[in-house]
Amino acid sequence: MKGSLMSRGVAEPYAQALMSLAQSRGLTAEIGDEMRALSQLLEESAELRDFISNPVIEAADKKAVLRRIAGERASEMLVNFLMLLVDKRRLLFLSAIAEQYLVLLRARNEIVLAEVASAQALSEDQAREIASRVRSMTDARDVELKTSVDASLLGGAVIKIGSQVLDLSLRGQLRRIGISLAG
């Protein structure tokens, strides 16, 4: 818990600074897309996470690898930001900074994040239906779905919107039936 508080304390000012710079240049959406891609890469690659958090690896080596990963697709602003994180020894907070940037971007654009865990992968129609219902529940302009599969749900889905959790799973229904029978 303490580590996550420290991470958030470091991530927020960097994310806000990046948002401010992106707004001044009209690049908030583009930087958001790049941060999503970077976040996904960090989530999928334990090797990359270990590399950027390793204090023994020289800053110049980290910069070279980051430039190679960013390639020509990434904006110059993001590459410069990554180099700043290396120089300030804050690269290990990159994942938290990316997540905080996306939180700021969603708030700016009135977008709600709905985390959906379902027993099976959602079809496009199911995802659209969930997004539509979440939009009407929250009065948000748009909904961003973050989906995952959890076979232990047996059927249905669990939807988390901020601190609100809607358990529409078969496992949840069975648990509620068991509680009502026991009480």
C-alpha atoms as a PDB file:
ATOM      1  CA  MET A   1       0.000   0.000   0.000  1.00  0.00           C
ATOM      2  CA  LYS A   2       2.785   2.412   0.906  1.00  0.00           C
ATOM      3  CA  GLY A   3       4.482   1.765  -2.432  1.00  0.00           C
ATOM      4  CA  SER A   4       1.319   2.585  -4.348  1.00  0.00           C
ATOM      5  CA  LEU A   5       0.860   5.839  -2.399  1.00  0.00           C
ATOM      6  CA  MET A   6       4.419   6.849  -3.177  1.00  0.00           C
ATOM      7  CA  SER A   7       3.963   5.852  -6.795  1.00  0.00           C
ATOM      8  CA  ARG A   8       0.795   7.933  -7.040  1.00  0.00           C
ATOM      9  CA  GLY A   9       2.497  10.875  -5.335  1.00  0.00           C
ATOM     10  CA  VAL A  10       5.246  10.808  -7.953  1.00  0.00           C
ATOM     11  CA  ALA A  11       2.994   9.974 -10.908  1.00  0.00           C
ATOM     12  CA  GLU A  12       0.401  12.720 -10.476  1.00  0.00           C
ATOM     13  CA  PRO A  13       2.678  15.756 -10.958  1.00  0.00           C
ATOM     14  CA  TYR A  14       4.402  14.191 -13.965  1.00  0.00           C
ATOM     15  CA  ALA A  15       1.077  13.191 -15.528  1.00  0.00           C
ATOM     16  CA  GLN A  16      -0.341  16.669 -14.916  1.00  0.00           C
ATOM     17  CA  ALA A  17       2.733  18.287 -16.447  1.00  0.00           C
ATOM     18  CA  LEU A  18       2.473  16.040 -19.502  1.00  0.00           C
ATOM     19  CA  MET A  19      -1.251  16.806 -19.796  1.00  0.00           C
ATOM     20  CA  SER A  20      -0.585  20.538 -19.562  1.00  0.00           C
ATOM     21  CA  LEU A  21       2.072  20.347 -22.260  1.00  0.00           C
ATOM     22  CA  ALA A  22      -0.131  18.154 -24.467  1.00  0.00           C
ATOM     23  CA  GLN A  23      -3.055  20.582 -24.079  1.00  0.00           C
ATOM     24  CA  SER A  24      -0.892  23.554 -25.019  1.00  0.00           C
ATOM     25  CA  ARG A  25       0.076  21.759 -28.233  1.00  0.00           C
ATOM     26  CA  GLY A  26      -3.327  20.205 -28.954  1.00  0.00           C
ATOM     27  CA  LEU A  27      -1.962  16.675 -28.623  1.00  0.00           C
ATOM     28  CA  THR A  28      -3.926  15.266 -25.661  1.00  0.00           C
ATOM     29  CA  ALA A  29      -5.594  12.473 -27.651  1.00  0.00           C
ATOM     30  CA  GLU A  30      -2.409  11.482 -29.509  1.00  0.00           C
ATOM     31  CA  ILE A  31      -0.377  11.355 -26.293  1.00  0.00           C
ATOM     32  CA  GLY A  32      -3.245   9.364 -24.741  1.00  0.00           C
ATOM     33  CA  ASP A  33      -3.013   6.780 -27.517  1.00  0.00           C
ATOM     34  CA  GLU A  34       0.752   6.578 -27.080  1.00  0.00           C
ATOM     35  CA  MET A  35       0.425   6.205 -23.303  1.00  0.00           C
ATOM     36  CA  ARG A  36      -2.157   3.418 -23.764  1.00  0.00           C
ATOM     37  CA  ALA A  37       0.205   1.570 -26.106  1.00  0.00           C
ATOM     38  CA  LEU A  38       3.123   2.077 -23.728  1.00  0.00           C
ATOM     39  CA  SER A  39       1.040   0.923 -20.784  1.00  0.00           C
ATOM     40  CA  GLN A  40      -0.018  -2.211 -22.650  1.00  0.00           C
ATOM     41  CA  LEU A  41       3.583  -2.933 -23.609  1.00  0.00           C
ATOM     42  CA  LEU A  42       4.681  -2.600 -19.974  1.00  0.00           C
ATOM     43  CA  GLU A  43       1.833  -4.860 -18.873  1.00  0.00           C
ATOM     44  CA  GLU A  44       2.742  -7.555 -21.396  1.00  0.00           C
ATOM     45  CA  SER A  45       6.536  -7.459 -21.043  1.00  0.00           C
ATOM     46  CA  ALA A  46       8.044  -8.427 -17.706  1.00  0.00           C
ATOM     47  CA  GLU A  47      11.453  -8.094 -19.354  1.00  0.00           C
ATOM     48  CA  LEU A  48      10.827  -4.431 -20.191  1.00  0.00           C
ATOM     49  CA  ARG A  49       9.482  -3.731 -16.671  1.00  0.00           C
ATOM     50  CA  ASP A  50      12.577  -5.306 -15.156  1.00  0.00           C
ATOM     51  CA  PHE A  51      14.840  -3.378 -17.522  1.00  0.00           C
ATOM     52  CA  ILE A  52      13.429   0.075 -16.789  1.00  0.00           C
ATOM     53  CA  SER A  53      13.311  -0.509 -13.033  1.00  0.00           C
ATOM     54  CA  ASN A  54      16.871  -1.870 -12.813  1.00  0.00           C
ATOM     55  CA  PRO A  55      19.047   0.785 -11.124  1.00  0.00           C
ATOM     56  CA  VAL A  56      22.270  -0.842 -12.375  1.00  0.00           C
ATOM     57  CA  ILE A  57      21.517  -0.192 -16.048  1.00  0.00           C
ATOM     58  CA  GLU A  58      23.019   3.069 -17.289  1.00  0.00           C
ATOM     59  CA  ALA A  59      20.730   5.949 -18.218  1.00  0.00           C
ATOM     60  CA  ALA A  60      22.196   6.093 -21.732  1.00  0.00           C
ATOM     61  CA  ASP A  61      21.301   2.426 -22.291  1.00  0.00           C
ATOM     62  CA  LYS A  62      17.759   3.013 -21.057  1.00  0.00           C
ATOM     63  CA  LYS A  63      17.402   6.010 -23.352  1.00  0.00           C
ATOM     64  CA  ALA A  64      18.642   4.009 -26.338  1.00  0.00           C
ATOM     65  CA  VAL A  65      16.165   1.196 -25.695  1.00  0.00           C
ATOM     66  CA  LEU A  66      13.286   3.631 -25.173  1.00  0.00           C
ATOM     67  CA  ARG A  67      14.121   5.453 -28.402  1.00  0.00           C
ATOM     68  CA  ARG A  68      14.167   2.116 -30.212  1.00  0.00           C
ATOM     69  CA  ILE A  69      10.814   1.088 -28.691  1.00  0.00           C
ATOM     70  CA  ALA A  70       9.231   4.445 -29.503  1.00  0.00           C
ATOM     71  CA  GLY A  71      10.561   4.279 -33.033  1.00  0.00           C
ATOM     72  CA  GLU A  72       9.310   6.859 -35.478  1.00  0.00           C
ATOM     73  CA  ARG A  73       5.668   6.363 -34.475  1.00  0.00           C
ATOM     74  CA  ALA A  74       5.938   8.145 -31.121  1.00  0.00           C
ATOM     75  CA  SER A  75       5.689  11.900 -30.935  1.00  0.00           C
ATOM     76  CA  GLU A  76       8.807  13.898 -30.189  1.00  0.00           C
ATOM     77  CA  MET A  77       7.080  15.245 -27.097  1.00  0.00           C
ATOM     78  CA  LEU A  78       6.588  11.755 -25.635  1.00  0.00           C
ATOM     79  CA  VAL A  79      10.142  10.718 -26.428  1.00  0.00           C
ATOM     80  CA  ASN A  80      11.450  13.871 -24.715  1.00  0.00           C
ATOM     81  CA  PHE A  81       9.209  13.133 -21.733  1.00  0.00           C
ATOM     82  CA  LEU A  82      10.607   9.595 -21.475  1.00  0.00           C
ATOM     83  CA  MET A  83      14.155  10.976 -21.612  1.00  0.00           C
ATOM     84  CA  LEU A  84      13.262  13.385 -18.794  1.00  0.00           C
ATOM     85  CA  LEU A  85      11.982  10.480 -16.704  1.00  0.00           C
ATOM     86  CA  VAL A  86      15.280   8.689 -17.236  1.00  0.00           C
ATOM     87  CA  ASP A  87      17.281  11.801 -16.288  1.00  0.00           C
ATOM     88  CA  LYS A  88      15.187  12.380 -13.149  1.00  0.00           C
ATOM     89  CA  ARG A  89      15.367   8.689 -12.207  1.00  0.00           C
ATOM     90  CA  ARG A  90      11.586   8.393 -12.371  1.00  0.00           C
ATOM     91  CA  LEU A  91      11.305   5.859 -15.183  1.00  0.00           C
ATOM     92  CA  LEU A  92      10.253   3.133 -12.767  1.00  0.00           C
ATOM     93  CA  PHE A  93       7.028   5.134 -12.246  1.00  0.00           C
ATOM     94  CA  LEU A  94       6.234   5.111 -15.976  1.00  0.00           C
ATOM     95  CA  SER A  95       3.303   2.730 -15.673  1.00  0.00           C
ATOM     96  CA  ALA A  96       1.715   4.797 -12.879  1.00  0.00           C
ATOM     97  CA  ILE A  97       2.339   8.029 -14.812  1.00  0.00           C
ATOM     98  CA  ALA A  98       0.715   6.567 -17.932  1.00  0.00           C
ATOM     99  CA  GLU A  99      -2.310   5.420 -15.936  1.00  0.00           C
ATOM    100  CA  GLN A 100      -2.647   8.801 -14.226  1.00  0.00           C
ATOM    101  CA  TYR A 101      -2.390  10.591 -17.585  1.00  0.00           C
ATOM    102  CA  LEU A 102      -5.231   8.426 -18.898  1.00  0.00           C
ATOM    103  CA  VAL A 103      -7.309   9.244 -15.794  1.00  0.00           C
ATOM    104  CA  LEU A 104      -6.792  12.956 -16.481  1.00  0.00           C
ATOM    105  CA  LEU A 105      -7.615  12.492 -20.167  1.00  0.00           C
ATOM    106  CA  ARG A 106     -10.840  10.625 -19.363  1.00  0.00           C
ATOM    107  CA  ALA A 107     -11.900  13.350 -16.911  1.00  0.00           C
ATOM    108  CA  ARG A 108     -11.117  16.053 -19.468  1.00  0.00           C
ATOM    109  CA  ASN A 109     -13.160  14.303 -22.152  1.00  0.00           C
ATOM    110  CA  GLU A 110     -16.000  13.159 -19.841  1.00  0.00           C
ATOM    111  CA  ILE A 111     -15.218   9.494 -20.452  1.00  0.00           C
ATOM    112  CA  VAL A 112     -15.940   6.823 -17.853  1.00  0.00           C
ATOM    113  CA  LEU A 113     -13.746   3.738 -17.497  1.00  0.00           C
ATOM    114  CA  ALA A 114     -15.733   0.542 -17.003  1.00  0.00           C
ATOM    115  CA  GLU A 115     -13.711  -2.539 -16.104  1.00  0.00           C
ATOM    116  CA  VAL A 116     -15.619  -5.606 -17.229  1.00  0.00           C
ATOM    117  CA  ALA A 117     -14.712  -9.131 -16.155  1.00  0.00           C
ATOM    118  CA  SER A 118     -16.766 -11.758 -17.940  1.00  0.00           C
ATOM    119  CA  ALA A 119     -16.859 -15.537 -18.003  1.00  0.00           C
ATOM    120  CA  GLN A 120     -16.210 -15.499 -21.755  1.00  0.00           C
ATOM    121  CA  ALA A 121     -14.795 -12.920 -24.118  1.00  0.00           C
ATOM    122  CA  LEU A 122     -17.415 -10.288 -24.968  1.00  0.00           C
ATOM    123  CA  SER A 123     -18.756 -10.049 -28.495  1.00  0.00           C
ATOM    124  CA  GLU A 124     -18.826  -6.622 -30.138  1.00  0.00           C
ATOM    125  CA  ASP A 125     -22.595  -6.434 -29.602  1.00  0.00           C
ATOM    126  CA  GLN A 126     -22.247  -7.274 -25.901  1.00  0.00           C
ATOM    127  CA  ALA A 127     -19.498  -4.678 -25.471  1.00  0.00           C
ATOM    128  CA  ARG A 128     -21.653  -2.035 -27.204  1.00  0.00           C
ATOM    129  CA  GLU A 129     -24.640  -2.921 -25.009  1.00  0.00           C
ATOM    130  CA  ILE A 130     -22.583  -2.679 -21.814  1.00  0.00           C
ATOM    131  CA  ALA A 131     -21.088   0.630 -22.933  1.00  0.00           C
ATOM    132  CA  SER A 132     -24.550   1.970 -23.717  1.00  0.00           C
ATOM    133  CA  ARG A 133     -25.927   0.982 -20.305  1.00  0.00           C
ATOM    134  CA  VAL A 134     -22.906   2.402 -18.485  1.00  0.00           C
ATOM    135  CA  ARG A 135     -23.254   5.640 -20.461  1.00  0.00           C
ATOM    136  CA  SER A 136     -26.895   5.975 -19.424  1.00  0.00           C
ATOM    137  CA  MET A 137     -26.094   5.134 -15.769  1.00  0.00           C
ATOM    138  CA  THR A 138     -23.285   7.674 -15.492  1.00  0.00           C
ATOM    139  CA  ASP A 139     -24.381  10.422 -17.906  1.00  0.00           C
ATOM    140  CA  ALA A 140     -20.865  10.269 -19.344  1.00  0.00           C
ATOM    141  CA  ARG A 141     -20.228  11.452 -22.862  1.00  0.00           C
ATOM    142  CA  ASP A 142     -18.486   8.179 -23.684  1.00  0.00           C
ATOM    143  CA  VAL A 143     -17.368   4.909 -22.086  1.00  0.00           C
ATOM    144  CA  GLU A 144     -14.013   3.165 -22.293  1.00  0.00           C
ATOM    145  CA  LEU A 145     -14.225  -0.576 -21.653  1.00  0.00           C
ATOM    146  CA  LYS A 146     -11.348  -2.517 -20.173  1.00  0.00           C
ATOM    147  CA  THR A 147     -12.299  -6.168 -20.539  1.00  0.00           C
ATOM    148  CA  SER A 148     -10.894  -9.345 -19.060  1.00  0.00           C
ATOM    149  CA  VAL A 149     -11.990 -12.969 -18.929  1.00  0.00           C
ATOM    150  CA  ASP A 150     -12.531 -14.696 -15.571  1.00  0.00           C
ATOM    151  CA  ALA A 151     -13.830 -18.256 -16.010  1.00  0.00           C
ATOM    152  CA  SER A 152     -14.540 -18.511 -12.262  1.00  0.00           C
ATOM    153  CA  LEU A 153     -17.568 -16.226 -12.778  1.00  0.00           C
ATOM    154  CA  LEU A 154     -19.325 -19.224 -14.419  1.00  0.00           C
ATOM    155  CA  GLY A 155     -21.460 -16.870 -16.544  1.00  0.00           C
ATOM    156  CA  GLY A 156     -22.389 -13.209 -16.837  1.00  0.00           C
ATOM    157  CA  ALA A 157     -20.075 -10.352 -15.903  1.00  0.00           C
ATOM    158  CA  VAL A 158     -18.841  -8.092 -13.124  1.00  0.00           C
ATOM    159  CA  ILE A 159     -18.684  -4.409 -14.063  1.00  0.00           C
ATOM    160  CA  LYS A 160     -16.636  -1.933 -12.049  1.00  0.00           C
ATOM    161  CA  ILE A 161     -17.186   1.778 -12.619  1.00  0.00           C
ATOM    162  CA  GLY A 162     -15.006   3.785 -10.275  1.00  0.00           C
ATOM    163  CA  SER A 163     -15.854   2.476  -6.807  1.00  0.00           C
ATOM    164  CA  GLN A 164     -19.215   1.021  -7.889  1.00  0.00           C
ATOM    165  CA  VAL A 165     -19.361  -2.714  -8.644  1.00  0.00           C
ATOM    166  CA  LEU A 166     -22.233  -4.395 -10.467  1.00  0.00           C
ATOM    167  CA  ASP A 167     -22.051  -8.160 -10.007  1.00  0.00           C
ATOM    168  CA  LEU A 168     -24.143  -9.675 -12.792  1.00  0.00           C
ATOM    169  CA  SER A 169     -22.277 -12.969 -12.711  1.00  0.00           C
ATOM    170  CA  LEU A 170     -23.747 -16.409 -12.149  1.00  0.00           C
ATOM    171  CA  ARG A 171     -21.306 -16.874  -9.265  1.00  0.00           C
ATOM    172  CA  GLY A 172     -22.638 -13.675  -7.656  1.00  0.00           C
ATOM    173  CA  GLN A 173     -26.243 -14.753  -8.132  1.00  0.00           C
ATOM    174  CA  LEU A 174     -25.514 -18.130  -6.522  1.00  0.00           C
ATOM    175  CA  ARG A 175     -23.793 -16.400  -3.618  1.00  0.00           C
ATOM    176  CA  ARG A 176     -26.796 -14.080  -3.101  1.00  0.00           C
ATOM    177  CA  ILE A 177     -29.195 -17.054  -3.203  1.00  0.00           C
ATOM    178  CA  GLY A 178     -27.033 -18.887  -0.657  1.00  0.00           C
ATOM    179  CA  ILE A 179     -27.055 -15.846   1.653  1.00  0.00           C
ATOM    180  CA  SER A 180     -30.848 -15.468   1.403  1.00  0.00           C
ATOM    181  CA  LEU A 181     -31.382 -19.197   2.104  1.00  0.00           C
ATOM    182  CA  ALA A 182     -29.013 -19.097   5.080  1.00  0.00           C
ATOM    183  CA  GLY A 183     -30.631 -15.970   6.573  1.00  0.00           C
END
